[in-house]
Protein backbone atom coordinates (compact mmCIF):
# COMPACT_ATOMS: atom_id res chain seq x y z
CA UNK A 1 173.10 -18.31 7.44
CA UNK A 2 174.78 -15.32 5.73
CA UNK A 3 172.81 -12.14 4.50
CA UNK A 4 172.69 -12.41 1.15
CA UNK A 5 173.85 -9.70 -0.67
CA UNK A 6 171.30 -6.47 -2.50
CA UNK A 7 172.26 -5.87 -6.52
CA UNK A 8 171.87 -2.22 -7.72
CA UNK A 9 169.97 -1.21 -11.05
CA UNK A 10 173.45 -1.15 -12.63
CA UNK A 11 174.37 -4.66 -11.51
CA UNK A 12 170.54 -5.78 -13.24
CA UNK A 13 171.68 -3.73 -16.64
CA UNK A 14 175.45 -5.38 -16.78
CA UNK A 15 173.44 -8.99 -16.32
CA UNK A 16 170.83 -7.79 -18.83
CA UNK A 17 173.83 -6.78 -21.18
CA UNK A 18 175.49 -10.40 -20.82
CA UNK A 19 172.40 -12.38 -21.48
CA UNK A 20 171.55 -10.43 -24.59
CA UNK A 21 174.68 -11.97 -26.06
CA UNK A 22 173.29 -15.72 -25.13
CA UNK A 23 169.64 -15.50 -26.00
CA UNK A 24 169.40 -17.68 -29.68
CA UNK A 25 165.60 -17.16 -29.87
CA UNK A 26 164.10 -14.18 -29.26
CA UNK A 27 162.46 -13.57 -26.08
CA UNK A 28 160.07 -10.87 -24.20
CA UNK A 29 159.90 -11.11 -20.32
CA UNK A 30 158.15 -9.28 -17.67
CA UNK A 31 159.85 -7.73 -14.72
CA UNK A 32 158.21 -7.42 -11.92
CA UNK A 33 158.83 -6.83 -8.21
CA UNK A 34 162.03 -5.23 -6.12
CA UNK A 35 163.91 -5.82 -9.48
CA UNK A 36 161.32 -3.58 -11.37
CA UNK A 37 160.92 -1.24 -8.19
CA UNK A 38 164.57 -0.19 -9.07
CA UNK A 39 164.10 0.69 -12.69
CA UNK A 40 161.50 2.57 -10.66
CA UNK A 41 163.67 4.58 -8.36
CA UNK A 42 161.67 3.54 -5.70
CA UNK A 43 164.10 0.84 -4.18
CA UNK A 44 168.02 1.51 -4.00
CA UNK A 45 168.80 -2.51 -4.79
CA UNK A 46 167.34 -5.85 -4.51
CA UNK A 47 168.17 -9.45 -3.61
CA UNK A 48 167.17 -11.38 -7.09
CA UNK A 49 164.69 -10.63 -9.76
CA UNK A 50 161.12 -11.77 -10.29
CA UNK A 51 160.52 -12.63 -13.96
CA UNK A 52 157.65 -13.50 -16.02
CA UNK A 53 157.40 -15.44 -19.24
CA UNK A 54 154.67 -16.28 -21.21
CA UNK A 55 155.27 -19.80 -22.34
CA UNK A 56 157.50 -23.17 -21.55
CA UNK A 57 159.64 -22.44 -24.91
CA UNK A 58 160.79 -19.69 -23.50
CA UNK A 59 161.42 -21.01 -20.41
CA UNK A 60 164.16 -22.74 -22.03
CA UNK A 61 165.50 -20.25 -24.03
CA UNK A 62 166.30 -18.01 -20.22
CA UNK A 63 167.37 -20.78 -18.55
CA UNK A 64 169.72 -21.99 -21.24
CA UNK A 65 171.04 -18.68 -21.82
CA UNK A 66 171.90 -18.16 -17.63
CA UNK A 67 172.89 -21.67 -17.95
CA UNK A 68 175.84 -20.70 -20.26
CA UNK A 69 176.51 -17.56 -18.22
CA UNK A 70 177.69 -20.14 -15.58
CA UNK A 71 174.02 -19.37 -13.37
CA UNK A 72 173.26 -22.48 -11.35
CA UNK A 73 170.18 -23.44 -9.40
CA UNK A 74 171.02 -23.07 -5.54
CA UNK A 75 171.77 -25.26 -2.84
CA UNK A 76 168.75 -27.69 -3.10
CA UNK A 77 167.40 -26.78 1.06
CA UNK A 78 167.64 -23.52 -0.38
CA UNK A 79 165.76 -24.17 -3.72
CA UNK A 80 163.45 -26.62 -1.85
CA UNK A 81 162.01 -23.56 0.48
CA UNK A 82 162.46 -21.25 -2.30
CA UNK A 83 160.05 -23.44 -4.84
CA UNK A 84 157.64 -24.32 -2.09
CA UNK A 85 157.61 -20.99 -1.27
CA UNK A 86 157.07 -19.06 -4.28
CA UNK A 87 155.86 -22.00 -6.80
CA UNK A 88 158.97 -20.22 -9.12
CA UNK A 89 159.05 -22.72 -12.23
CA UNK A 90 162.98 -22.10 -12.35
CA UNK A 91 165.33 -20.79 -10.07
CA UNK A 92 168.60 -19.47 -10.79
CA UNK A 93 172.03 -18.12 -9.08
CA UNK A 94 175.02 -16.80 -10.27
CA UNK A 95 178.66 -16.71 -7.92
CA UNK A 96 177.72 -13.11 -6.69
CA UNK A 97 174.45 -14.60 -5.14
CA UNK A 98 172.02 -12.85 -8.11
CA UNK A 99 168.89 -14.86 -8.25
CA UNK A 100 166.53 -15.03 -10.56
CA UNK A 101 163.20 -16.37 -9.82
CA UNK A 102 161.62 -17.05 -13.06
CA UNK A 103 157.64 -17.41 -13.55
CA UNK A 104 155.27 -18.89 -16.60
CA UNK A 105 152.39 -16.82 -16.53
CA UNK A 106 151.06 -17.48 -13.25
CA UNK A 107 152.94 -16.02 -10.34
CA UNK A 108 153.55 -17.64 -6.78
CA UNK A 109 150.63 -20.11 -7.97
CA UNK A 110 148.45 -17.31 -7.15
CA UNK A 111 147.77 -13.97 -9.82
CA UNK A 112 148.19 -14.69 -13.97
CA UNK A 113 150.30 -11.97 -15.87
CA UNK A 114 146.93 -10.71 -17.59
CA UNK A 115 146.56 -9.79 -20.96
CA UNK A 116 145.45 -6.06 -19.64
CA UNK A 117 149.11 -5.98 -17.38
CA UNK A 118 151.06 -6.33 -20.76
CA UNK A 119 149.76 -3.48 -22.14
CA UNK A 120 150.06 -1.59 -19.39
CA UNK A 121 153.93 -2.80 -18.89
CA UNK A 122 156.36 -0.82 -20.99
CA UNK A 123 159.89 -1.19 -22.56
CA UNK A 124 163.00 -0.95 -20.64
CA UNK A 125 165.37 -3.05 -22.45
CA UNK A 126 165.70 -3.92 -26.66
CA UNK A 127 168.76 -5.16 -27.59
CA UNK A 128 168.99 -7.98 -30.23
CA UNK A 129 166.51 -10.79 -29.42
CA UNK A 130 166.02 -10.12 -26.01
CA UNK A 131 163.24 -7.79 -24.64
CA UNK A 132 162.86 -6.56 -20.99
CA UNK A 133 159.33 -4.83 -19.94
CA UNK A 134 158.40 -3.73 -16.61
CA UNK A 135 155.28 -4.17 -15.36
CA UNK A 136 153.04 -1.13 -14.17
CA UNK A 137 153.45 0.42 -10.41
CA UNK A 138 149.55 -0.15 -10.13
CA UNK A 139 150.29 -4.30 -11.68
CA UNK A 140 153.46 -4.79 -8.96
CA UNK A 141 151.21 -3.24 -5.70
CA UNK A 142 148.84 -6.13 -6.57
CA UNK A 143 151.62 -8.66 -6.63
CA UNK A 144 152.95 -7.47 -3.37
CA UNK A 145 149.28 -6.39 -1.88
CA UNK A 146 147.91 -9.94 -2.46
CA UNK A 147 151.03 -11.45 0.02
CA UNK A 148 151.20 -11.80 3.74
CA UNK A 149 154.98 -10.65 3.78
CA UNK A 150 156.23 -7.68 6.30
CA UNK A 151 158.82 -6.63 3.25
CA UNK A 152 155.77 -6.51 1.01
CA UNK A 153 153.51 -4.31 2.83
CA UNK A 154 157.11 -1.67 2.60
CA UNK A 155 156.93 -2.25 -0.51
CA UNK A 156 153.62 -1.39 -1.40
CA UNK A 157 153.86 1.46 0.97
CA UNK A 158 156.68 3.06 -1.34
CA UNK A 159 154.34 2.05 -4.54
CA UNK A 160 151.34 3.95 -2.80
CA UNK A 161 153.46 7.29 -1.46
CA UNK A 162 154.76 7.47 -5.48
CA UNK A 163 151.25 7.86 -6.98
CA UNK A 164 149.08 5.36 -8.43
CA UNK A 165 145.51 4.64 -10.32
CA UNK A 166 144.27 3.09 -7.99
CA UNK A 167 141.07 2.27 -10.18
CA UNK A 168 143.14 0.05 -12.48
CA UNK A 169 144.36 -1.93 -9.21
CA UNK A 170 140.49 -2.85 -8.59
CA UNK A 171 139.51 -3.79 -12.35
CA UNK A 172 142.93 -6.04 -12.63
CA UNK A 173 142.22 -7.19 -8.90
CA UNK A 174 138.44 -8.36 -9.43
CA UNK A 175 139.71 -9.39 -13.60
CA UNK A 176 142.21 -11.81 -11.23
CA UNK A 177 139.16 -12.74 -9.20
CA UNK A 178 137.17 -13.82 -12.35
CA UNK A 179 140.48 -15.60 -13.47
CA UNK A 180 141.24 -17.47 -10.93
CA UNK A 181 138.01 -18.13 -8.71
CA UNK A 182 140.36 -17.03 -5.68
CA UNK A 183 138.48 -13.82 -3.43
CA UNK A 184 141.58 -11.39 -4.20
CA UNK A 185 139.79 -8.31 -3.31
CA UNK A 186 139.60 -9.80 0.54
CA UNK A 187 143.26 -10.68 0.36
CA UNK A 188 143.88 -6.94 -1.15
CA UNK A 189 141.52 -5.55 1.92
CA UNK A 190 143.18 -6.84 4.48
CA UNK A 191 146.54 -5.02 3.10
CA UNK A 192 145.22 -1.95 2.68
CA UNK A 193 144.22 -2.12 6.18
CA UNK A 194 147.71 -3.23 7.40
CA UNK A 195 148.60 -0.24 4.95
CA UNK A 196 146.56 2.17 6.54
CA UNK A 197 147.19 1.13 10.63
CA UNK A 198 150.72 1.07 10.00
CA UNK A 199 151.55 3.81 7.91
CA UNK A 200 148.39 5.74 8.08
CA UNK A 201 148.50 5.49 4.32
CA UNK A 202 144.08 5.37 3.25
CA UNK A 203 143.67 3.90 -0.28
CA UNK A 204 140.32 5.26 -1.78
CA UNK A 205 139.40 1.60 -3.47
CA UNK A 206 139.66 0.25 0.67
CA UNK A 207 135.95 0.47 0.95
CA UNK A 208 134.83 -0.66 -2.43
CA UNK A 209 137.21 -3.79 -2.40
CA UNK A 210 135.59 -4.60 1.01
CA UNK A 211 132.12 -4.55 -0.30
CA UNK A 212 133.14 -6.31 -3.40
CA UNK A 213 134.21 -9.00 -1.24
CA UNK A 214 131.35 -9.36 0.81
CA UNK A 215 129.41 -9.59 -1.99
CA UNK A 216 131.26 -12.43 -3.78
CA UNK A 217 131.59 -14.29 -0.58
CA UNK A 218 127.74 -14.15 -0.25
CA UNK A 219 127.91 -15.57 -3.91
CA UNK A 220 129.90 -18.61 -2.99
CA UNK A 221 128.14 -19.43 -0.38
CA UNK A 222 124.59 -19.11 -2.05
CA UNK A 223 125.58 -21.31 -4.92
CA UNK A 224 127.40 -23.80 -2.79
CA UNK A 225 124.46 -24.24 -1.40
CA UNK A 226 122.17 -24.46 -4.38
CA UNK A 227 124.78 -26.96 -5.50
CA UNK A 228 124.06 -28.88 -2.43
CA UNK A 229 120.59 -29.30 -2.96
CA UNK A 230 119.59 -26.70 -0.41
CA UNK A 231 117.74 -24.71 -3.15
CA UNK A 232 114.27 -23.27 -1.59
CA UNK A 233 114.93 -19.61 -0.34
CA UNK A 234 113.96 -22.02 3.40
CA UNK A 235 116.54 -24.46 3.09
CA UNK A 236 118.92 -22.05 2.36
CA UNK A 237 118.02 -19.81 5.70
CA UNK A 238 118.27 -22.64 7.67
CA UNK A 239 121.49 -23.23 6.27
CA UNK A 240 123.43 -20.31 6.62
CA UNK A 241 121.67 -18.43 9.29
CA UNK A 242 120.82 -15.33 7.53
CA UNK A 243 117.35 -13.96 7.41
CA UNK A 244 114.85 -14.40 5.05
CA UNK A 245 114.42 -10.93 3.35
CA UNK A 246 118.50 -11.25 2.99
CA UNK A 247 118.26 -14.44 1.05
CA UNK A 248 115.61 -13.75 -1.11
CA UNK A 249 117.60 -10.02 -1.97
CA UNK A 250 120.78 -11.91 -2.69
CA UNK A 251 119.41 -14.60 -5.09
CA UNK A 252 116.88 -12.16 -7.29
CA UNK A 253 120.70 -10.75 -7.35
CA UNK A 254 122.25 -13.68 -8.38
CA UNK A 255 119.36 -14.32 -10.72
CA UNK A 256 119.99 -10.84 -12.26
CA UNK A 257 123.56 -11.68 -13.17
CA UNK A 258 122.44 -14.72 -14.76
CA UNK A 259 124.76 -17.04 -12.49
CA UNK A 260 121.11 -19.12 -11.37
CA UNK A 261 117.73 -19.64 -12.90
CA UNK A 262 114.65 -19.59 -10.55
CA UNK A 263 111.64 -22.12 -11.08
CA UNK A 264 108.35 -20.70 -10.19
CA UNK A 265 106.41 -23.60 -11.35
CA UNK A 266 105.45 -24.36 -8.14
CA UNK A 267 105.92 -22.88 -4.94
CA UNK A 268 108.10 -22.76 -3.02
CA UNK A 269 110.26 -21.40 -6.12
CA UNK A 270 113.31 -23.02 -6.53
CA UNK A 271 116.66 -22.38 -7.65
CA UNK A 272 119.33 -23.69 -10.00
CA UNK A 273 122.91 -23.15 -11.11
CA UNK A 274 122.86 -21.99 -14.54
CA UNK A 275 125.53 -23.68 -16.00
CA UNK A 276 128.41 -21.95 -18.37
CA UNK A 277 128.20 -22.43 -22.17
CA UNK A 278 130.45 -24.65 -23.40
CA UNK A 279 133.10 -22.83 -26.62
CA UNK A 280 130.62 -24.87 -29.13
CA UNK A 281 127.68 -24.16 -27.85
CA UNK A 282 128.84 -20.29 -28.04
CA UNK A 283 130.28 -20.81 -31.55
CA UNK A 284 126.31 -22.30 -32.64
CA UNK A 285 123.86 -19.53 -31.05
């Protein structure tokens, strides 16, 4: 298979200009990945651009416009592989081999482009009905920092060397864990270890992420045991093979967070998962 060509920032701006005349409904799209890094001056070129949209209606508007510019779905084998890997909502490519990977809300079936991410993004293009915003370097770092691709490790090195607000990255990682229920702190922590090992770049959030991941893993383990009916200190201890003192301490922490309730009417004390209130319950209270 021939090596794919790379495209610089000028080429991207050229394609944005062509697209502007074809967009018939107001649309704002968010640029992440290598394309965004090109606009930050951190990469000379990119093989494709990753775009995030808010909804399916905007996806239809964008794909219709791109197809009017002779963008097409790549070869079926290529696009199937790309869909399986990226979980993109649409992939379109022009005759030059320049590709758009387009996502709606969620990227690679992983991170959601959150409201906080939108707030941190800034505009790089605003003509007629088309607006293009570039994600912050911190959010690009997070998107790339949860993957297992070697090329992304090189990119997060460039981002780290450019200067980052590490606190923002940690907060958004925790936010994404809350949104998805997936332990993203663990994935990011592992890549930070790889970054340190390969490039000798040490992040100030490495230890906080490790601690957060460990606490979250303990929380998941204990709540799963309680859900299975192992709801006493003794039964949980037997299942997870940890000291009773450790289990008691962690159960107290979960109770303090409001995740579990302790029934002290009889011994041994029993623990129960607190059900999340429905929206109607919140409105009533």
